[in-house]
């Protein structure tokens, strides 16, 4: 046969770089005792978002770690199954500081270890302080296991660009709130108030709470004090 056979298989089409925007925001944890789990996560200093009973035999509790865009939920009733989860990651800027904070809150945390290529786990913080390498673990009372992971520099493409629409809406909200502050405050640099307010909102504070945070920042740091009525 003088003619070479051609490969008729079709190469798989490359997947689109991005799909429809979808934000991973909540993980459900299986717990045996809702009140015990609630007390544990309150001790961590996480924000309690909800604790309600949509029906007599159902209860839902939600917490959000400080600075996190994702939350955890647990409860009793339909939708909450047994069996602990493993490998829940908490990303931190400084793993030694994060571990010390947990220990100070009475949490039993493993020693810090890092991944060494070709060796696996090695005790201690990564000597080069490479991002993603240093870790430590702890568990809640139901054996749901969390891994602290130090990340100081993201892999290329890992962090998405800001949503311009959402940012514009936050700026609009901030401008209105600042207008209320500006009407009664001494002369000041508006960007200082903006920065404190927007940071509080991005950390999960409600508008009223964020305005109070910004006011305290202006008084305590910038010495711009609003006189009482």
C-alpha atoms as a PDB file:
ATOM      1  CA  UNK A   1       0.000   0.000   0.000  1.00  0.00           C
ATOM      2  CA  UNK A   2       1.656   3.160  -1.228  1.00  0.00           C
ATOM      3  CA  UNK A   3      -0.620   5.728   0.344  1.00  0.00           C
ATOM      4  CA  UNK A   4      -0.175   6.283   4.048  1.00  0.00           C
ATOM      5  CA  UNK A   5      -3.315   5.892   6.089  1.00  0.00           C
ATOM      6  CA  UNK A   6      -4.582   9.096   7.556  1.00  0.00           C
ATOM      7  CA  UNK A   7      -5.553   9.401  11.195  1.00  0.00           C
ATOM      8  CA  UNK A   8      -9.267  10.171  11.115  1.00  0.00           C
ATOM      9  CA  UNK A   9      -9.602  10.799  14.834  1.00  0.00           C
ATOM     10  CA  UNK A  10     -10.573  14.332  15.688  1.00  0.00           C
ATOM     11  CA  UNK A  11      -8.476  16.209  18.209  1.00  0.00           C
ATOM     12  CA  UNK A  12     -10.491  17.344  21.200  1.00  0.00           C
ATOM     13  CA  UNK A  13     -11.542  20.951  21.057  1.00  0.00           C
ATOM     14  CA  UNK A  14      -9.916  23.231  23.594  1.00  0.00           C
ATOM     15  CA  UNK A  15     -12.191  24.314  26.388  1.00  0.00           C
ATOM     16  CA  UNK A  16     -13.063  27.995  26.567  1.00  0.00           C
ATOM     17  CA  UNK A  17     -10.748  29.962  28.838  1.00  0.00           C
ATOM     18  CA  UNK A  18     -13.669  31.085  30.961  1.00  0.00           C
ATOM     19  CA  UNK A  19     -17.270  30.035  31.365  1.00  0.00           C
ATOM     20  CA  UNK A  20     -20.283  31.660  32.925  1.00  0.00           C
ATOM     21  CA  UNK A  21     -19.270  33.525  36.069  1.00  0.00           C
ATOM     22  CA  UNK A  22     -19.905  31.375  39.133  1.00  0.00           C
ATOM     23  CA  UNK A  23     -18.610  32.142  42.607  1.00  0.00           C
ATOM     24  CA  UNK A  24     -17.959  29.316  45.059  1.00  0.00           C
ATOM     25  CA  UNK A  25     -19.269  30.826  48.292  1.00  0.00           C
ATOM     26  CA  UNK A  26     -20.471  28.146  50.727  1.00  0.00           C
ATOM     27  CA  UNK A  27     -19.348  24.729  51.955  1.00  0.00           C
ATOM     28  CA  UNK A  28     -21.667  22.615  54.100  1.00  0.00           C
ATOM     29  CA  UNK A  29     -20.055  20.863  57.065  1.00  0.00           C
ATOM     30  CA  UNK A  30     -21.543  17.735  58.661  1.00  0.00           C
ATOM     31  CA  UNK A  31     -21.810  18.159  62.436  1.00  0.00           C
ATOM     32  CA  UNK A  32     -23.308  16.046  65.203  1.00  0.00           C
ATOM     33  CA  UNK A  33     -23.986  18.874  67.657  1.00  0.00           C
ATOM     34  CA  UNK A  34     -24.955  22.247  66.173  1.00  0.00           C
ATOM     35  CA  UNK A  35     -24.421  24.244  69.359  1.00  0.00           C
ATOM     36  CA  UNK A  36     -20.990  22.687  69.929  1.00  0.00           C
ATOM     37  CA  UNK A  37     -19.935  23.489  66.371  1.00  0.00           C
ATOM     38  CA  UNK A  38     -21.288  27.032  66.687  1.00  0.00           C
ATOM     39  CA  UNK A  39     -19.274  27.606  69.861  1.00  0.00           C
ATOM     40  CA  UNK A  40     -16.100  26.317  68.171  1.00  0.00           C
ATOM     41  CA  UNK A  41     -16.297  28.648  65.170  1.00  0.00           C
ATOM     42  CA  UNK A  42     -17.280  31.586  67.365  1.00  0.00           C
ATOM     43  CA  UNK A  43     -14.083  30.906  69.317  1.00  0.00           C
ATOM     44  CA  UNK A  44     -12.102  31.206  66.082  1.00  0.00           C
ATOM     45  CA  UNK A  45     -13.375  34.762  65.710  1.00  0.00           C
ATOM     46  CA  UNK A  46     -15.383  34.007  62.564  1.00  0.00           C
ATOM     47  CA  UNK A  47     -18.412  36.162  61.775  1.00  0.00           C
ATOM     48  CA  UNK A  48     -21.790  34.593  62.547  1.00  0.00           C
ATOM     49  CA  UNK A  49     -24.009  35.332  59.536  1.00  0.00           C
ATOM     50  CA  UNK A  50     -27.156  33.381  60.341  1.00  0.00           C
ATOM     51  CA  UNK A  51     -28.655  31.051  62.923  1.00  0.00           C
ATOM     52  CA  UNK A  52     -32.266  30.359  62.142  1.00  0.00           C
ATOM     53  CA  UNK A  53     -34.876  27.600  62.041  1.00  0.00           C
ATOM     54  CA  UNK A  54     -36.845  27.653  58.785  1.00  0.00           C
ATOM     55  CA  UNK A  55     -38.990  24.835  60.192  1.00  0.00           C
ATOM     56  CA  UNK A  56     -39.411  23.193  63.618  1.00  0.00           C
ATOM     57  CA  UNK A  57     -37.077  20.298  62.732  1.00  0.00           C
ATOM     58  CA  UNK A  58     -34.523  22.220  60.645  1.00  0.00           C
ATOM     59  CA  UNK A  59     -31.778  24.631  61.703  1.00  0.00           C
ATOM     60  CA  UNK A  60     -29.108  26.409  59.657  1.00  0.00           C
ATOM     61  CA  UNK A  61     -25.993  28.214  60.898  1.00  0.00           C
ATOM     62  CA  UNK A  62     -23.507  30.100  58.711  1.00  0.00           C
ATOM     63  CA  UNK A  63     -20.076  31.539  59.534  1.00  0.00           C
ATOM     64  CA  UNK A  64     -17.589  33.489  57.405  1.00  0.00           C
ATOM     65  CA  UNK A  65     -13.839  33.643  58.170  1.00  0.00           C
ATOM     66  CA  UNK A  66     -12.473  37.212  58.401  1.00  0.00           C
ATOM     67  CA  UNK A  67     -11.637  38.488  54.915  1.00  0.00           C
ATOM     68  CA  UNK A  68     -13.078  35.427  53.163  1.00  0.00           C
ATOM     69  CA  UNK A  69     -15.377  35.471  50.146  1.00  0.00           C
ATOM     70  CA  UNK A  70     -16.627  31.990  51.075  1.00  0.00           C
ATOM     71  CA  UNK A  71     -18.584  30.764  54.087  1.00  0.00           C
ATOM     72  CA  UNK A  72     -19.416  27.535  55.888  1.00  0.00           C
ATOM     73  CA  UNK A  73     -22.856  26.253  56.833  1.00  0.00           C
ATOM     74  CA  UNK A  74     -23.975  23.497  59.160  1.00  0.00           C
ATOM     75  CA  UNK A  75     -27.142  22.558  60.931  1.00  0.00           C
ATOM     76  CA  UNK A  76     -29.758  19.921  61.585  1.00  0.00           C
ATOM     77  CA  UNK A  77     -32.492  18.473  59.424  1.00  0.00           C
ATOM     78  CA  UNK A  78     -32.823  17.919  55.683  1.00  0.00           C
ATOM     79  CA  UNK A  79     -29.675  18.574  53.671  1.00  0.00           C
ATOM     80  CA  UNK A  80     -27.123  17.929  56.419  1.00  0.00           C
ATOM     81  CA  UNK A  81     -25.380  14.554  56.134  1.00  0.00           C
ATOM     82  CA  UNK A  82     -22.951  12.680  58.358  1.00  0.00           C
ATOM     83  CA  UNK A  83     -19.258  12.139  57.698  1.00  0.00           C
ATOM     84  CA  UNK A  84     -16.384  14.604  58.267  1.00  0.00           C
ATOM     85  CA  UNK A  85     -14.838  16.640  55.454  1.00  0.00           C
ATOM     86  CA  UNK A  86     -11.083  16.678  54.877  1.00  0.00           C
ATOM     87  CA  UNK A  87      -8.766  19.162  53.208  1.00  0.00           C
ATOM     88  CA  UNK A  88     -10.714  22.387  53.739  1.00  0.00           C
ATOM     89  CA  UNK A  89      -8.170  25.089  52.975  1.00  0.00           C
ATOM     90  CA  UNK A  90      -7.744  28.405  54.785  1.00  0.00           C
ATOM     91  CA  UNK A  91      -5.339  30.678  52.916  1.00  0.00           C
ATOM     92  CA  UNK A  92      -3.214  32.942  55.145  1.00  0.00           C
ATOM     93  CA  UNK A  93      -0.518  35.569  54.573  1.00  0.00           C
ATOM     94  CA  UNK A  94       1.669  34.446  57.477  1.00  0.00           C
ATOM     95  CA  UNK A  95       1.249  30.872  58.651  1.00  0.00           C
ATOM     96  CA  UNK A  96       3.185  31.304  61.916  1.00  0.00           C
ATOM     97  CA  UNK A  97       0.996  34.233  62.935  1.00  0.00           C
ATOM     98  CA  UNK A  98      -2.185  32.406  61.899  1.00  0.00           C
ATOM     99  CA  UNK A  99      -1.200  29.293  63.846  1.00  0.00           C
ATOM    100  CA  UNK A 100      -0.336  31.331  66.932  1.00  0.00           C
ATOM    101  CA  UNK A 101      -3.732  33.045  66.778  1.00  0.00           C
ATOM    102  CA  UNK A 102      -5.550  29.691  66.700  1.00  0.00           C
ATOM    103  CA  UNK A 103      -3.464  28.305  69.546  1.00  0.00           C
ATOM    104  CA  UNK A 104      -4.254  31.426  71.546  1.00  0.00           C
ATOM    105  CA  UNK A 105      -7.949  30.683  71.027  1.00  0.00           C
ATOM    106  CA  UNK A 106      -7.550  27.225  72.520  1.00  0.00           C
ATOM    107  CA  UNK A 107      -7.428  25.291  69.251  1.00  0.00           C
ATOM    108  CA  UNK A 108      -5.135  22.273  68.873  1.00  0.00           C
ATOM    109  CA  UNK A 109      -3.088  22.902  65.724  1.00  0.00           C
ATOM    110  CA  UNK A 110      -0.413  20.686  64.163  1.00  0.00           C
ATOM    111  CA  UNK A 111       3.178  21.849  63.878  1.00  0.00           C
ATOM    112  CA  UNK A 112       3.934  23.737  60.673  1.00  0.00           C
ATOM    113  CA  UNK A 113       5.298  21.634  57.823  1.00  0.00           C
ATOM    114  CA  UNK A 114       6.138  22.241  54.194  1.00  0.00           C
ATOM    115  CA  UNK A 115       6.228  20.300  50.953  1.00  0.00           C
ATOM    116  CA  UNK A 116       9.711  19.483  49.726  1.00  0.00           C
ATOM    117  CA  UNK A 117       9.777  18.258  46.095  1.00  0.00           C
ATOM    118  CA  UNK A 118      10.968  14.661  46.033  1.00  0.00           C
ATOM    119  CA  UNK A 119      10.665  14.278  49.805  1.00  0.00           C
ATOM    120  CA  UNK A 120       7.077  15.140  50.665  1.00  0.00           C
ATOM    121  CA  UNK A 121       6.308  16.612  54.099  1.00  0.00           C
ATOM    122  CA  UNK A 122       9.215  18.195  55.971  1.00  0.00           C
ATOM    123  CA  UNK A 123       8.870  19.795  59.427  1.00  0.00           C
ATOM    124  CA  UNK A 124       8.955  23.574  59.687  1.00  0.00           C
ATOM    125  CA  UNK A 125       8.171  26.559  57.495  1.00  0.00           C
ATOM    126  CA  UNK A 126       9.544  26.385  53.958  1.00  0.00           C
ATOM    127  CA  UNK A 127      13.101  27.844  54.226  1.00  0.00           C
ATOM    128  CA  UNK A 128      12.597  29.889  51.053  1.00  0.00           C
ATOM    129  CA  UNK A 129       9.106  30.937  52.160  1.00  0.00           C
ATOM    130  CA  UNK A 130       7.757  29.796  48.799  1.00  0.00           C
ATOM    131  CA  UNK A 131       4.093  30.458  48.268  1.00  0.00           C
ATOM    132  CA  UNK A 132       1.765  27.407  48.646  1.00  0.00           C
ATOM    133  CA  UNK A 133       4.419  25.247  50.384  1.00  0.00           C
ATOM    134  CA  UNK A 134       3.949  25.857  54.141  1.00  0.00           C
ATOM    135  CA  UNK A 135       0.952  24.320  55.915  1.00  0.00           C
ATOM    136  CA  UNK A 136      -0.573  23.300  59.265  1.00  0.00           C
ATOM    137  CA  UNK A 137      -3.822  21.540  60.154  1.00  0.00           C
ATOM    138  CA  UNK A 138      -6.531  21.565  62.801  1.00  0.00           C
ATOM    139  CA  UNK A 139      -9.943  19.978  63.216  1.00  0.00           C
ATOM    140  CA  UNK A 140     -13.290  21.023  64.651  1.00  0.00           C
ATOM    141  CA  UNK A 141     -15.133  18.867  67.233  1.00  0.00           C
ATOM    142  CA  UNK A 142     -16.702  16.816  64.407  1.00  0.00           C
ATOM    143  CA  UNK A 143     -13.325  15.992  62.795  1.00  0.00           C
ATOM    144  CA  UNK A 144     -13.844  18.340  59.844  1.00  0.00           C
ATOM    145  CA  UNK A 145     -10.215  19.069  59.042  1.00  0.00           C
ATOM    146  CA  UNK A 146      -8.847  22.461  57.994  1.00  0.00           C
ATOM    147  CA  UNK A 147      -5.471  23.123  56.361  1.00  0.00           C
ATOM    148  CA  UNK A 148      -3.761  26.477  56.809  1.00  0.00           C
ATOM    149  CA  UNK A 149      -1.788  27.302  53.665  1.00  0.00           C
ATOM    150  CA  UNK A 150       0.554  30.273  53.365  1.00  0.00           C
ATOM    151  CA  UNK A 151       0.153  32.070  50.032  1.00  0.00           C
ATOM    152  CA  UNK A 152       2.032  35.309  49.441  1.00  0.00           C
ATOM    153  CA  UNK A 153       2.149  35.254  45.640  1.00  0.00           C
ATOM    154  CA  UNK A 154      -0.542  33.788  43.421  1.00  0.00           C
ATOM    155  CA  UNK A 155      -0.001  31.592  40.387  1.00  0.00           C
ATOM    156  CA  UNK A 156      -0.535  33.521  37.136  1.00  0.00           C
ATOM    157  CA  UNK A 157      -4.206  33.816  36.257  1.00  0.00           C
ATOM    158  CA  UNK A 158      -5.405  32.582  39.655  1.00  0.00           C
ATOM    159  CA  UNK A 159      -6.929  35.893  40.732  1.00  0.00           C
ATOM    160  CA  UNK A 160      -9.693  37.238  38.544  1.00  0.00           C
ATOM    161  CA  UNK A 161     -10.013  40.889  37.646  1.00  0.00           C
ATOM    162  CA  UNK A 162     -12.339  43.045  39.691  1.00  0.00           C
ATOM    163  CA  UNK A 163     -15.967  43.182  38.652  1.00  0.00           C
ATOM    164  CA  UNK A 164     -16.145  46.787  37.410  1.00  0.00           C
ATOM    165  CA  UNK A 165     -19.908  46.950  37.910  1.00  0.00           C
ATOM    166  CA  UNK A 166     -19.693  45.799  41.510  1.00  0.00           C
ATOM    167  CA  UNK A 167     -16.808  48.175  42.198  1.00  0.00           C
ATOM    168  CA  UNK A 168     -18.758  51.085  40.723  1.00  0.00           C
ATOM    169  CA  UNK A 169     -21.748  50.236  42.897  1.00  0.00           C
ATOM    170  CA  UNK A 170     -19.564  50.105  46.009  1.00  0.00           C
ATOM    171  CA  UNK A 171     -18.010  53.461  45.128  1.00  0.00           C
ATOM    172  CA  UNK A 172     -21.465  54.970  44.666  1.00  0.00           C
ATOM    173  CA  UNK A 173     -22.595  53.611  48.024  1.00  0.00           C
ATOM    174  CA  UNK A 174     -19.393  54.853  49.673  1.00  0.00           C
ATOM    175  CA  UNK A 175     -19.851  58.335  48.226  1.00  0.00           C
ATOM    176  CA  UNK A 176     -23.376  58.570  49.646  1.00  0.00           C
ATOM    177  CA  UNK A 177     -22.284  57.366  53.069  1.00  0.00           C
ATOM    178  CA  UNK A 178     -19.314  59.708  53.078  1.00  0.00           C
ATOM    179  CA  UNK A 179     -21.629  62.599  52.255  1.00  0.00           C
ATOM    180  CA  UNK A 180     -23.439  61.996  55.550  1.00  0.00           C
ATOM    181  CA  UNK A 181     -20.116  61.971  57.410  1.00  0.00           C
ATOM    182  CA  UNK A 182     -18.746  65.004  55.568  1.00  0.00           C
ATOM    183  CA  UNK A 183     -21.801  67.075  56.483  1.00  0.00           C
ATOM    184  CA  UNK A 184     -20.930  66.941  60.201  1.00  0.00           C
ATOM    185  CA  UNK A 185     -17.158  66.325  60.223  1.00  0.00           C
ATOM    186  CA  UNK A 186     -14.252  68.797  60.262  1.00  0.00           C
ATOM    187  CA  UNK A 187     -12.264  69.213  57.010  1.00  0.00           C
ATOM    188  CA  UNK A 188     -10.486  66.004  56.054  1.00  0.00           C
ATOM    189  CA  UNK A 189      -9.178  63.948  53.133  1.00  0.00           C
ATOM    190  CA  UNK A 190     -12.124  62.046  51.710  1.00  0.00           C
ATOM    191  CA  UNK A 191      -9.981  59.147  50.536  1.00  0.00           C
ATOM    192  CA  UNK A 192      -9.098  58.226  54.107  1.00  0.00           C
ATOM    193  CA  UNK A 193     -12.773  57.705  54.951  1.00  0.00           C
ATOM    194  CA  UNK A 194     -13.387  55.936  51.635  1.00  0.00           C
ATOM    195  CA  UNK A 195     -10.555  53.489  52.264  1.00  0.00           C
ATOM    196  CA  UNK A 196     -11.739  52.562  55.754  1.00  0.00           C
ATOM    197  CA  UNK A 197     -15.368  52.214  54.668  1.00  0.00           C
ATOM    198  CA  UNK A 198     -14.672  50.115  51.557  1.00  0.00           C
ATOM    199  CA  UNK A 199     -12.297  47.846  53.438  1.00  0.00           C
ATOM    200  CA  UNK A 200     -14.950  47.211  56.096  1.00  0.00           C
ATOM    201  CA  UNK A 201     -17.585  46.459  53.451  1.00  0.00           C
ATOM    202  CA  UNK A 202     -15.271  44.033  51.654  1.00  0.00           C
ATOM    203  CA  UNK A 203     -14.633  42.299  54.995  1.00  0.00           C
ATOM    204  CA  UNK A 204     -18.374  41.640  55.280  1.00  0.00           C
ATOM    205  CA  UNK A 205     -19.663  44.555  57.385  1.00  0.00           C
ATOM    206  CA  UNK A 206     -23.104  45.960  56.654  1.00  0.00           C
ATOM    207  CA  UNK A 207     -23.258  49.612  55.489  1.00  0.00           C
ATOM    208  CA  UNK A 208     -24.175  50.986  58.924  1.00  0.00           C
ATOM    209  CA  UNK A 209     -21.389  48.990  60.571  1.00  0.00           C
ATOM    210  CA  UNK A 210     -18.873  50.034  57.895  1.00  0.00           C
ATOM    211  CA  UNK A 211     -19.754  53.715  58.419  1.00  0.00           C
ATOM    212  CA  UNK A 212     -19.079  53.331  62.144  1.00  0.00           C
ATOM    213  CA  UNK A 213     -15.748  51.612  61.422  1.00  0.00           C
ATOM    214  CA  UNK A 214     -14.758  54.448  59.087  1.00  0.00           C
ATOM    215  CA  UNK A 215     -15.785  57.010  61.681  1.00  0.00           C
ATOM    216  CA  UNK A 216     -13.670  55.333  64.362  1.00  0.00           C
ATOM    217  CA  UNK A 217     -10.722  55.156  61.969  1.00  0.00           C
ATOM    218  CA  UNK A 218     -10.974  58.856  61.215  1.00  0.00           C
ATOM    219  CA  UNK A 219     -11.166  59.715  64.909  1.00  0.00           C
ATOM    220  CA  UNK A 220      -8.488  57.361  66.217  1.00  0.00           C
ATOM    221  CA  UNK A 221      -5.985  57.411  63.332  1.00  0.00           C
ATOM    222  CA  UNK A 222      -6.597  60.665  61.477  1.00  0.00           C
ATOM    223  CA  UNK A 223      -7.807  62.637  64.504  1.00  0.00           C
ATOM    224  CA  UNK A 224     -10.874  63.856  62.652  1.00  0.00           C
ATOM    225  CA  UNK A 225     -13.503  63.838  65.376  1.00  0.00           C
ATOM    226  CA  UNK A 226     -17.188  64.552  64.858  1.00  0.00           C
ATOM    227  CA  UNK A 227     -18.542  66.673  67.709  1.00  0.00           C
ATOM    228  CA  UNK A 228     -21.586  65.187  69.468  1.00  0.00           C
ATOM    229  CA  UNK A 229     -24.882  66.944  68.845  1.00  0.00           C
END
